Amino acid sequence: MQVVIGGTDYKELVQWRDILMQRMQENPDSRNPSNYEERKPQARCPVDRQSRADLGVSLQTVGARSRPCSARAIVTTFIDRDREYK
């Protein structure tokens, strides 16, 4: 069995994770609940394939254009009073 906890507040997800792990360890039928693996928060951004196709935009272009928003990429820098900012 695999359990996935989802939500919008990471702090709340951690609380629910702890509750779930405790309950699993209390259950004698639960086997090896200790293989928990912390992951980075994720977001799903569904793409309307028909609208994309109507506009002539490839799925690769959508991915490339959205990547800087999700990957913490440095997309530009600016200089103010001799200091450079990302």
PDB file of N, CA and C in Angstrom:
ATOM      1  N   MET A   1       0.848  -1.168   0.000  1.00  0.00           N
ATOM      2  CA  MET A   1       0.000   0.000   0.000  1.00  0.00           C
ATOM      3  C   MET A   1       0.895   1.233   0.000  1.00  0.00           C
ATOM      4  N   GLN A   2       0.513   2.216  -0.777  1.00  0.00           N
ATOM      5  CA  GLN A   2       1.225   3.479  -0.809  1.00  0.00           C
ATOM      6  C   GLN A   2       0.253   4.579  -0.412  1.00  0.00           C
ATOM      7  N   VAL A   3       0.705   5.485   0.425  1.00  0.00           N
ATOM      8  CA  VAL A   3      -0.130   6.580   0.886  1.00  0.00           C
ATOM      9  C   VAL A   3       0.499   7.887   0.415  1.00  0.00           C
ATOM     10  N   VAL A   4      -0.309   8.746  -0.186  1.00  0.00           N
ATOM     11  CA  VAL A   4       0.150  10.049  -0.635  1.00  0.00           C
ATOM     12  C   VAL A   4      -0.716  11.101   0.044  1.00  0.00           C
ATOM     13  N   ILE A   5      -0.070  12.029   0.733  1.00  0.00           N
ATOM     14  CA  ILE A   5      -0.785  13.110   1.398  1.00  0.00           C
ATOM     15  C   ILE A   5      -0.602  14.357   0.550  1.00  0.00           C
ATOM     16  N   GLY A   6      -1.685  15.033   0.220  1.00  0.00           N
ATOM     17  CA  GLY A   6      -1.604  16.240  -0.594  1.00  0.00           C
ATOM     18  C   GLY A   6      -2.338  17.388   0.054  1.00  0.00           C
ATOM     19  N   GLY A   7      -1.952  18.591  -0.291  1.00  0.00           N
ATOM     20  CA  GLY A   7      -2.614  19.765   0.249  1.00  0.00           C
ATOM     21  C   GLY A   7      -1.901  21.035  -0.158  1.00  0.00           C
ATOM     22  N   THR A   8      -2.310  22.140   0.437  1.00  0.00           N
ATOM     23  CA  THR A   8      -1.731  23.426   0.065  1.00  0.00           C
ATOM     24  C   THR A   8      -0.837  24.022   1.139  1.00  0.00           C
ATOM     25  N   ASP A   9      -0.838  23.462   2.338  1.00  0.00           N
ATOM     26  CA  ASP A   9      -0.064  24.007   3.453  1.00  0.00           C
ATOM     27  C   ASP A   9       0.940  22.951   3.907  1.00  0.00           C
ATOM     28  N   TYR A  10       2.223  23.200   3.664  1.00  0.00           N
ATOM     29  CA  TYR A  10       3.253  22.202   3.970  1.00  0.00           C
ATOM     30  C   TYR A  10       3.320  21.891   5.468  1.00  0.00           C
ATOM     31  N   LYS A  11       3.134  22.889   6.301  1.00  0.00           N
ATOM     32  CA  LYS A  11       3.171  22.675   7.753  1.00  0.00           C
ATOM     33  C   LYS A  11       2.077  21.695   8.180  1.00  0.00           C
ATOM     34  N   GLU A  12       0.891  21.861   7.613  1.00  0.00           N
ATOM     35  CA  GLU A  12      -0.211  20.950   7.931  1.00  0.00           C
ATOM     36  C   GLU A  12       0.066  19.542   7.401  1.00  0.00           C
ATOM     37  N   LEU A  13       0.681  19.450   6.224  1.00  0.00           N
ATOM     38  CA  LEU A  13       1.018  18.140   5.676  1.00  0.00           C
ATOM     39  C   LEU A  13       1.986  17.394   6.587  1.00  0.00           C
ATOM     40  N   VAL A  14       2.947  18.105   7.159  1.00  0.00           N
ATOM     41  CA  VAL A  14       3.905  17.484   8.074  1.00  0.00           C
ATOM     42  C   VAL A  14       3.184  16.951   9.307  1.00  0.00           C
ATOM     43  N   GLN A  15       2.216  17.702   9.830  1.00  0.00           N
ATOM     44  CA  GLN A  15       1.452  17.242  10.990  1.00  0.00           C
ATOM     45  C   GLN A  15       0.680  15.962  10.662  1.00  0.00           C
ATOM     46  N   TRP A  16       0.030  15.933   9.510  1.00  0.00           N
ATOM     47  CA  TRP A  16      -0.726  14.745   9.115  1.00  0.00           C
ATOM     48  C   TRP A  16       0.214  13.568   8.855  1.00  0.00           C
ATOM     49  N   ARG A  17       1.384  13.844   8.292  1.00  0.00           N
ATOM     50  CA  ARG A  17       2.367  12.784   8.076  1.00  0.00           C
ATOM     51  C   ARG A  17       2.735  12.142   9.402  1.00  0.00           C
ATOM     52  N   ASP A  18       2.999  12.965  10.420  1.00  0.00           N
ATOM     53  CA  ASP A  18       3.384  12.439  11.732  1.00  0.00           C
ATOM     54  C   ASP A  18       2.268  11.602  12.353  1.00  0.00           C
ATOM     55  N   ILE A  19       1.032  12.061  12.219  1.00  0.00           N
ATOM     56  CA  ILE A  19      -0.121  11.306  12.737  1.00  0.00           C
ATOM     57  C   ILE A  19      -0.223   9.964  12.019  1.00  0.00           C
ATOM     58  N   LEU A  20      -0.107   9.991  10.715  1.00  0.00           N
ATOM     59  CA  LEU A  20      -0.213   8.767   9.919  1.00  0.00           C
ATOM     60  C   LEU A  20       0.896   7.781  10.270  1.00  0.00           C
ATOM     61  N   MET A  21       2.123   8.258  10.381  1.00  0.00           N
ATOM     62  CA  MET A  21       3.235   7.375  10.716  1.00  0.00           C
ATOM     63  C   MET A  21       3.048   6.755  12.099  1.00  0.00           C
ATOM     64  N   GLN A  22       2.567   7.542  13.059  1.00  0.00           N
ATOM     65  CA  GLN A  22       2.334   7.026  14.411  1.00  0.00           C
ATOM     66  C   GLN A  22       1.276   5.932  14.390  1.00  0.00           C
ATOM     67  N   ARG A  23       0.185   6.186  13.688  1.00  0.00           N
ATOM     68  CA  ARG A  23      -0.900   5.186  13.616  1.00  0.00           C
ATOM     69  C   ARG A  23      -0.421   3.908  12.931  1.00  0.00           C
ATOM     70  N   MET A  24       0.390   4.049  11.898  1.00  0.00           N
ATOM     71  CA  MET A  24       0.893   2.867  11.206  1.00  0.00           C
ATOM     72  C   MET A  24       1.793   2.042  12.107  1.00  0.00           C
ATOM     73  N   GLN A  25       2.605   2.708  12.919  1.00  0.00           N
ATOM     74  CA  GLN A  25       3.495   1.982  13.820  1.00  0.00           C
ATOM     75  C   GLN A  25       2.728   1.306  14.947  1.00  0.00           C
ATOM     76  N   GLU A  26       1.568   1.841  15.300  1.00  0.00           N
ATOM     77  CA  GLU A  26       0.732   1.241  16.345  1.00  0.00           C
ATOM     78  C   GLU A  26      -0.031   0.023  15.843  1.00  0.00           C
ATOM     79  N   ASN A  27      -0.195  -0.099  14.551  1.00  0.00           N
ATOM     80  CA  ASN A  27      -0.974  -1.185  13.964  1.00  0.00           C
ATOM     81  C   ASN A  27      -0.085  -2.413  13.786  1.00  0.00           C
ATOM     82  N   PRO A  28      -0.417  -3.536  14.439  1.00  0.00           N
ATOM     83  CA  PRO A  28       0.429  -4.728  14.325  1.00  0.00           C
ATOM     84  C   PRO A  28       0.427  -5.328  12.909  1.00  0.00           C
ATOM     85  N   ASP A  29      -0.581  -5.020  12.116  1.00  0.00           N
ATOM     86  CA  ASP A  29      -0.630  -5.551  10.755  1.00  0.00           C
ATOM     87  C   ASP A  29       0.179  -4.709   9.767  1.00  0.00           C
ATOM     88  N   SER A  30       0.641  -3.578  10.209  1.00  0.00           N
ATOM     89  CA  SER A  30       1.416  -2.696   9.341  1.00  0.00           C
ATOM     90  C   SER A  30       2.863  -3.171   9.315  1.00  0.00           C
ATOM     91  N   ARG A  31       3.385  -3.338   8.115  1.00  0.00           N
ATOM     92  CA  ARG A  31       4.750  -3.835   7.977  1.00  0.00           C
ATOM     93  C   ARG A  31       5.659  -2.738   7.431  1.00  0.00           C
ATOM     94  N   ASN A  32       6.740  -2.531   8.098  1.00  0.00           N
ATOM     95  CA  ASN A  32       7.786  -1.606   7.673  1.00  0.00           C
ATOM     96  C   ASN A  32       7.254  -0.246   7.227  1.00  0.00           C
ATOM     97  N   PRO A  33       6.569   0.467   8.116  1.00  0.00           N
ATOM     98  CA  PRO A  33       6.109   1.803   7.728  1.00  0.00           C
ATOM     99  C   PRO A  33       7.232   2.840   7.769  1.00  0.00           C
ATOM    100  N   SER A  34       8.442   2.383   8.071  1.00  0.00           N
ATOM    101  CA  SER A  34       9.545   3.320   8.258  1.00  0.00           C
ATOM    102  C   SER A  34      10.257   3.704   6.964  1.00  0.00           C
ATOM    103  N   ASN A  35       9.741   3.287   5.820  1.00  0.00           N
ATOM    104  CA  ASN A  35      10.415   3.645   4.578  1.00  0.00           C
ATOM    105  C   ASN A  35       9.912   4.977   4.036  1.00  0.00           C
ATOM    106  N   TYR A  36       9.495   5.838   4.932  1.00  0.00           N
ATOM    107  CA  TYR A  36       9.042   7.175   4.568  1.00  0.00           C
ATOM    108  C   TYR A  36      10.172   7.935   3.897  1.00  0.00           C
ATOM    109  N   GLU A  37       9.851   8.653   2.835  1.00  0.00           N
ATOM    110  CA  GLU A  37      10.855   9.414   2.099  1.00  0.00           C
ATOM    111  C   GLU A  37      10.371  10.847   1.912  1.00  0.00           C
ATOM    112  N   GLU A  38      11.079  11.783   2.531  1.00  0.00           N
ATOM    113  CA  GLU A  38      10.726  13.201   2.415  1.00  0.00           C
ATOM    114  C   GLU A  38      10.968  13.657   0.977  1.00  0.00           C
ATOM    115  N   ARG A  39       9.999  14.364   0.440  1.00  0.00           N
ATOM    116  CA  ARG A  39      10.121  14.885  -0.920  1.00  0.00           C
ATOM    117  C   ARG A  39       9.856  16.378  -0.903  1.00  0.00           C
ATOM    118  N   LYS A  40      10.241  17.001  -1.968  1.00  0.00           N
ATOM    119  CA  LYS A  40       9.975  18.424  -2.104  1.00  0.00           C
ATOM    120  C   LYS A  40       8.493  18.627  -2.412  1.00  0.00           C
ATOM    121  N   PRO A  41       7.942  19.744  -1.996  1.00  0.00           N
ATOM    122  CA  PRO A  41       6.553  20.033  -2.366  1.00  0.00           C
ATOM    123  C   PRO A  41       6.397  20.036  -3.883  1.00  0.00           C
ATOM    124  N   GLN A  42       5.284  19.553  -4.342  1.00  0.00           N
ATOM    125  CA  GLN A  42       5.029  19.467  -5.773  1.00  0.00           C
ATOM    126  C   GLN A  42       3.733  20.170  -6.112  1.00  0.00           C
ATOM    127  N   ALA A  43       3.645  20.608  -7.331  1.00  0.00           N
ATOM    128  CA  ALA A  43       2.420  21.229  -7.826  1.00  0.00           C
ATOM    129  C   ALA A  43       2.084  20.624  -9.179  1.00  0.00           C
ATOM    130  N   ARG A  44       0.823  20.420  -9.401  1.00  0.00           N
ATOM    131  CA  ARG A  44       0.367  19.927 -10.707  1.00  0.00           C
ATOM    132  C   ARG A  44      -0.265  21.081 -11.453  1.00  0.00           C
ATOM    133  N   CYS A  45       0.129  21.226 -12.682  1.00  0.00           N
ATOM    134  CA  CYS A  45      -0.394  22.304 -13.522  1.00  0.00           C
ATOM    135  C   CYS A  45      -0.942  21.679 -14.805  1.00  0.00           C
ATOM    136  N   PRO A  46      -2.195  21.272 -14.779  1.00  0.00           N
ATOM    137  CA  PRO A  46      -2.751  20.640 -15.976  1.00  0.00           C
ATOM    138  C   PRO A  46      -2.801  21.626 -17.137  1.00  0.00           C
ATOM    139  N   VAL A  47      -2.535  21.105 -18.330  1.00  0.00           N
ATOM    140  CA  VAL A  47      -2.538  21.917 -19.540  1.00  0.00           C
ATOM    141  C   VAL A  47      -3.745  21.514 -20.381  1.00  0.00           C
ATOM    142  N   ASP A  48      -4.515  22.491 -20.802  1.00  0.00           N
ATOM    143  CA  ASP A  48      -5.650  22.227 -21.687  1.00  0.00           C
ATOM    144  C   ASP A  48      -5.081  21.911 -23.068  1.00  0.00           C
ATOM    145  N   ARG A  49      -5.029  20.643 -23.382  1.00  0.00           N
ATOM    146  CA  ARG A  49      -4.381  20.201 -24.621  1.00  0.00           C
ATOM    147  C   ARG A  49      -5.060  20.750 -25.872  1.00  0.00           C
ATOM    148  N   GLN A  50      -6.372  20.854 -25.838  1.00  0.00           N
ATOM    149  CA  GLN A  50      -7.077  21.367 -27.019  1.00  0.00           C
ATOM    150  C   GLN A  50      -6.746  22.843 -27.258  1.00  0.00           C
ATOM    151  N   SER A  51      -6.782  23.648 -26.192  1.00  0.00           N
ATOM    152  CA  SER A  51      -6.446  25.070 -26.329  1.00  0.00           C
ATOM    153  C   SER A  51      -5.012  25.241 -26.788  1.00  0.00           C
ATOM    154  N   ARG A  52      -4.109  24.444 -26.223  1.00  0.00           N
ATOM    155  CA  ARG A  52      -2.701  24.495 -26.608  1.00  0.00           C
ATOM    156  C   ARG A  52      -2.545  24.174 -28.079  1.00  0.00           C
ATOM    157  N   ALA A  53      -3.232  23.119 -28.515  1.00  0.00           N
ATOM    158  CA  ALA A  53      -3.153  22.718 -29.923  1.00  0.00           C
ATOM    159  C   ALA A  53      -3.757  23.784 -30.827  1.00  0.00           C
ATOM    160  N   ASP A  54      -4.884  24.375 -30.404  1.00  0.00           N
ATOM    161  CA  ASP A  54      -5.516  25.427 -31.200  1.00  0.00           C
ATOM    162  C   ASP A  54      -4.590  26.627 -31.392  1.00  0.00           C
ATOM    163  N   LEU A  55      -3.770  26.895 -30.380  1.00  0.00           N
ATOM    164  CA  LEU A  55      -2.843  28.024 -30.447  1.00  0.00           C
ATOM    165  C   LEU A  55      -1.523  27.670 -31.132  1.00  0.00           C
ATOM    166  N   GLY A  56      -1.351  26.385 -31.433  1.00  0.00           N
ATOM    167  CA  GLY A  56      -0.125  25.949 -32.102  1.00  0.00           C
ATOM    168  C   GLY A  56       1.085  25.932 -31.179  1.00  0.00           C
ATOM    169  N   VAL A  57       0.863  25.729 -29.885  1.00  0.00           N
ATOM    170  CA  VAL A  57       1.949  25.714 -28.909  1.00  0.00           C
ATOM    171  C   VAL A  57       2.252  24.262 -28.544  1.00  0.00           C
ATOM    172  N   SER A  58       3.513  23.871 -28.676  1.00  0.00           N
ATOM    173  CA  SER A  58       3.884  22.489 -28.358  1.00  0.00           C
ATOM    174  C   SER A  58       3.947  22.283 -26.852  1.00  0.00           C
ATOM    175  N   LEU A  59       3.802  21.029 -26.435  1.00  0.00           N
ATOM    176  CA  LEU A  59       3.902  20.696 -25.016  1.00  0.00           C
ATOM    177  C   LEU A  59       5.324  20.983 -24.510  1.00  0.00           C
ATOM    178  N   GLN A  60       6.322  20.816 -25.363  1.00  0.00           N
ATOM    179  CA  GLN A  60       7.705  21.123 -24.991  1.00  0.00           C
ATOM    180  C   GLN A  60       7.861  22.618 -24.681  1.00  0.00           C
ATOM    181  N   THR A  61       7.185  23.465 -25.457  1.00  0.00           N
ATOM    182  CA  THR A  61       7.253  24.908 -25.221  1.00  0.00           C
ATOM    183  C   THR A  61       6.602  25.258 -23.890  1.00  0.00           C
ATOM    184  N   VAL A  62       5.461  24.640 -23.605  1.00  0.00           N
ATOM    185  CA  VAL A  62       4.787  24.885 -22.326  1.00  0.00           C
ATOM    186  C   VAL A  62       5.718  24.513 -21.175  1.00  0.00           C
ATOM    187  N   GLY A  63       6.358  23.362 -21.270  1.00  0.00           N
ATOM    188  CA  GLY A  63       7.277  22.927 -20.223  1.00  0.00           C
ATOM    189  C   GLY A  63       8.467  23.853 -20.076  1.00  0.00           C
ATOM    190  N   ALA A  64       9.045  24.254 -21.196  1.00  0.00           N
ATOM    191  CA  ALA A  64      10.219  25.126 -21.152  1.00  0.00           C
ATOM    192  C   ALA A  64       9.875  26.496 -20.568  1.00  0.00           C
ATOM    193  N   ARG A  65       8.702  27.009 -20.899  1.00  0.00           N
ATOM    194  CA  ARG A  65       8.312  28.334 -20.411  1.00  0.00           C
ATOM    195  C   ARG A  65       7.906  28.315 -18.937  1.00  0.00           C
ATOM    196  N   SER A  66       7.407  27.190 -18.450  1.00  0.00           N
ATOM    197  CA  SER A  66       6.974  27.125 -17.052  1.00  0.00           C
ATOM    198  C   SER A  66       8.093  26.676 -16.116  1.00  0.00           C
ATOM    199  N   ARG A  67       9.146  26.079 -16.636  1.00  0.00           N
ATOM    200  CA  ARG A  67      10.234  25.554 -15.806  1.00  0.00           C
ATOM    201  C   ARG A  67      10.861  26.614 -14.895  1.00  0.00           C
ATOM    202  N   PRO A  68      11.170  27.815 -15.368  1.00  0.00           N
ATOM    203  CA  PRO A  68      11.769  28.806 -14.462  1.00  0.00           C
ATOM    204  C   PRO A  68      10.885  29.140 -13.262  1.00  0.00           C
ATOM    205  N   CYS A  69       9.601  29.019 -13.393  1.00  0.00           N
ATOM    206  CA  CYS A  69       8.684  29.307 -12.287  1.00  0.00           C
ATOM    207  C   CYS A  69       8.758  28.238 -11.207  1.00  0.00           C
ATOM    208  N   SER A  70       9.052  27.016 -11.591  1.00  0.00           N
ATOM    209  CA  SER A  70       9.022  25.923 -10.632  1.00  0.00           C
ATOM    210  C   SER A  70      10.395  25.438 -10.208  1.00  0.00           C
ATOM    211  N   ALA A  71      11.424  25.751 -10.945  1.00  0.00           N
ATOM    212  CA  ALA A  71      12.747  25.206 -10.654  1.00  0.00           C
ATOM    213  C   ALA A  71      13.662  26.201  -9.949  1.00  0.00           C
ATOM    214  N   ARG A  72      13.107  27.327  -9.534  1.00  0.00           N
ATOM    215  CA  ARG A  72      13.898  28.360  -8.887  1.00  0.00           C
ATOM    216  C   ARG A  72      15.065  28.798  -9.759  1.00  0.00           C
ATOM    217  N   ALA A  73      14.829  28.803 -11.037  1.00  0.00           N
ATOM    218  CA  ALA A  73      15.870  29.213 -11.975  1.00  0.00           C
ATOM    219  C   ALA A  73      16.063  30.720 -11.916  1.00  0.00           C
ATOM    220  N   ILE A  74      17.276  31.129 -12.160  1.00  0.00           N
ATOM    221  CA  ILE A  74      17.567  32.560 -12.246  1.00  0.00           C
ATOM    222  C   ILE A  74      17.234  32.981 -13.668  1.00  0.00           C
ATOM    223  N   VAL A  75      16.215  33.803 -13.813  1.00  0.00           N
ATOM    224  CA  VAL A  75      15.781  34.191 -15.146  1.00  0.00           C
ATOM    225  C   VAL A  75      16.335  35.536 -15.571  1.00  0.00           C
ATOM    226  N   THR A  76      16.774  36.332 -14.600  1.00  0.00           N
ATOM    227  CA  THR A  76      17.380  37.612 -14.933  1.00  0.00           C
ATOM    228  C   THR A  76      18.099  38.166 -13.703  1.00  0.00           C
ATOM    229  N   THR A  77      18.929  39.144 -13.923  1.00  0.00           N
ATOM    230  CA  THR A  77      19.563  39.863 -12.821  1.00  0.00           C
ATOM    231  C   THR A  77      19.450  41.356 -13.109  1.00  0.00           C
ATOM    232  N   PHE A  78      19.529  42.162 -12.057  1.00  0.00           N
ATOM    233  CA  PHE A  78      19.572  43.601 -12.274  1.00  0.00           C
ATOM    234  C   PHE A  78      20.560  44.216 -11.299  1.00  0.00           C
ATOM    235  N   ILE A  79      21.084  45.357 -11.670  1.00  0.00           N
ATOM    236  CA  ILE A  79      22.081  46.038 -10.856  1.00  0.00           C
ATOM    237  C   ILE A  79      21.477  47.333 -10.343  1.00  0.00           C
ATOM    238  N   ASP A  80      21.608  47.539  -9.032  1.00  0.00           N
ATOM    239  CA  ASP A  80      21.130  48.764  -8.404  1.00  0.00           C
ATOM    240  C   ASP A  80      22.204  49.238  -7.440  1.00  0.00           C
ATOM    241  N   ARG A  81      22.704  50.419  -7.645  1.00  0.00           N
ATOM    242  CA  ARG A  81      23.752  51.003  -6.792  1.00  0.00           C
ATOM    243  C   ARG A  81      24.934  50.063  -6.641  1.00  0.00           C
ATOM    244  N   ASP A  82      25.402  49.568  -7.760  1.00  0.00           N
ATOM    245  CA  ASP A  82      26.585  48.705  -7.834  1.00  0.00           C
ATOM    246  C   ASP A  82      26.409  47.335  -7.158  1.00  0.00           C
ATOM    247  N   ARG A  83      25.156  46.942  -6.891  1.00  0.00           N
ATOM    248  CA  ARG A  83      24.893  45.601  -6.363  1.00  0.00           C
ATOM    249  C   ARG A  83      24.054  44.839  -7.360  1.00  0.00           C
ATOM    250  N   GLU A  84      24.403  43.575  -7.562  1.00  0.00           N
ATOM    251  CA  GLU A  84      23.666  42.742  -8.501  1.00  0.00           C
ATOM    252  C   GLU A  84      22.669  41.873  -7.740  1.00  0.00           C
ATOM    253  N   TYR A  85      21.447  41.829  -8.239  1.00  0.00           N
ATOM    254  CA  TYR A  85      20.370  41.055  -7.631  1.00  0.00           C
ATOM    255  C   TYR A  85      19.836  40.048  -8.628  1.00  0.00           C
ATOM    256  N   LYS A  86      19.505  38.856  -8.137  1.00  0.00           N
ATOM    257  CA  LYS A  86      18.933  37.823  -8.994  1.00  0.00           C
ATOM    258  C   LYS A  86      17.444  37.994  -9.081  1.00  0.00           C
TER     259      LYS A  86
END
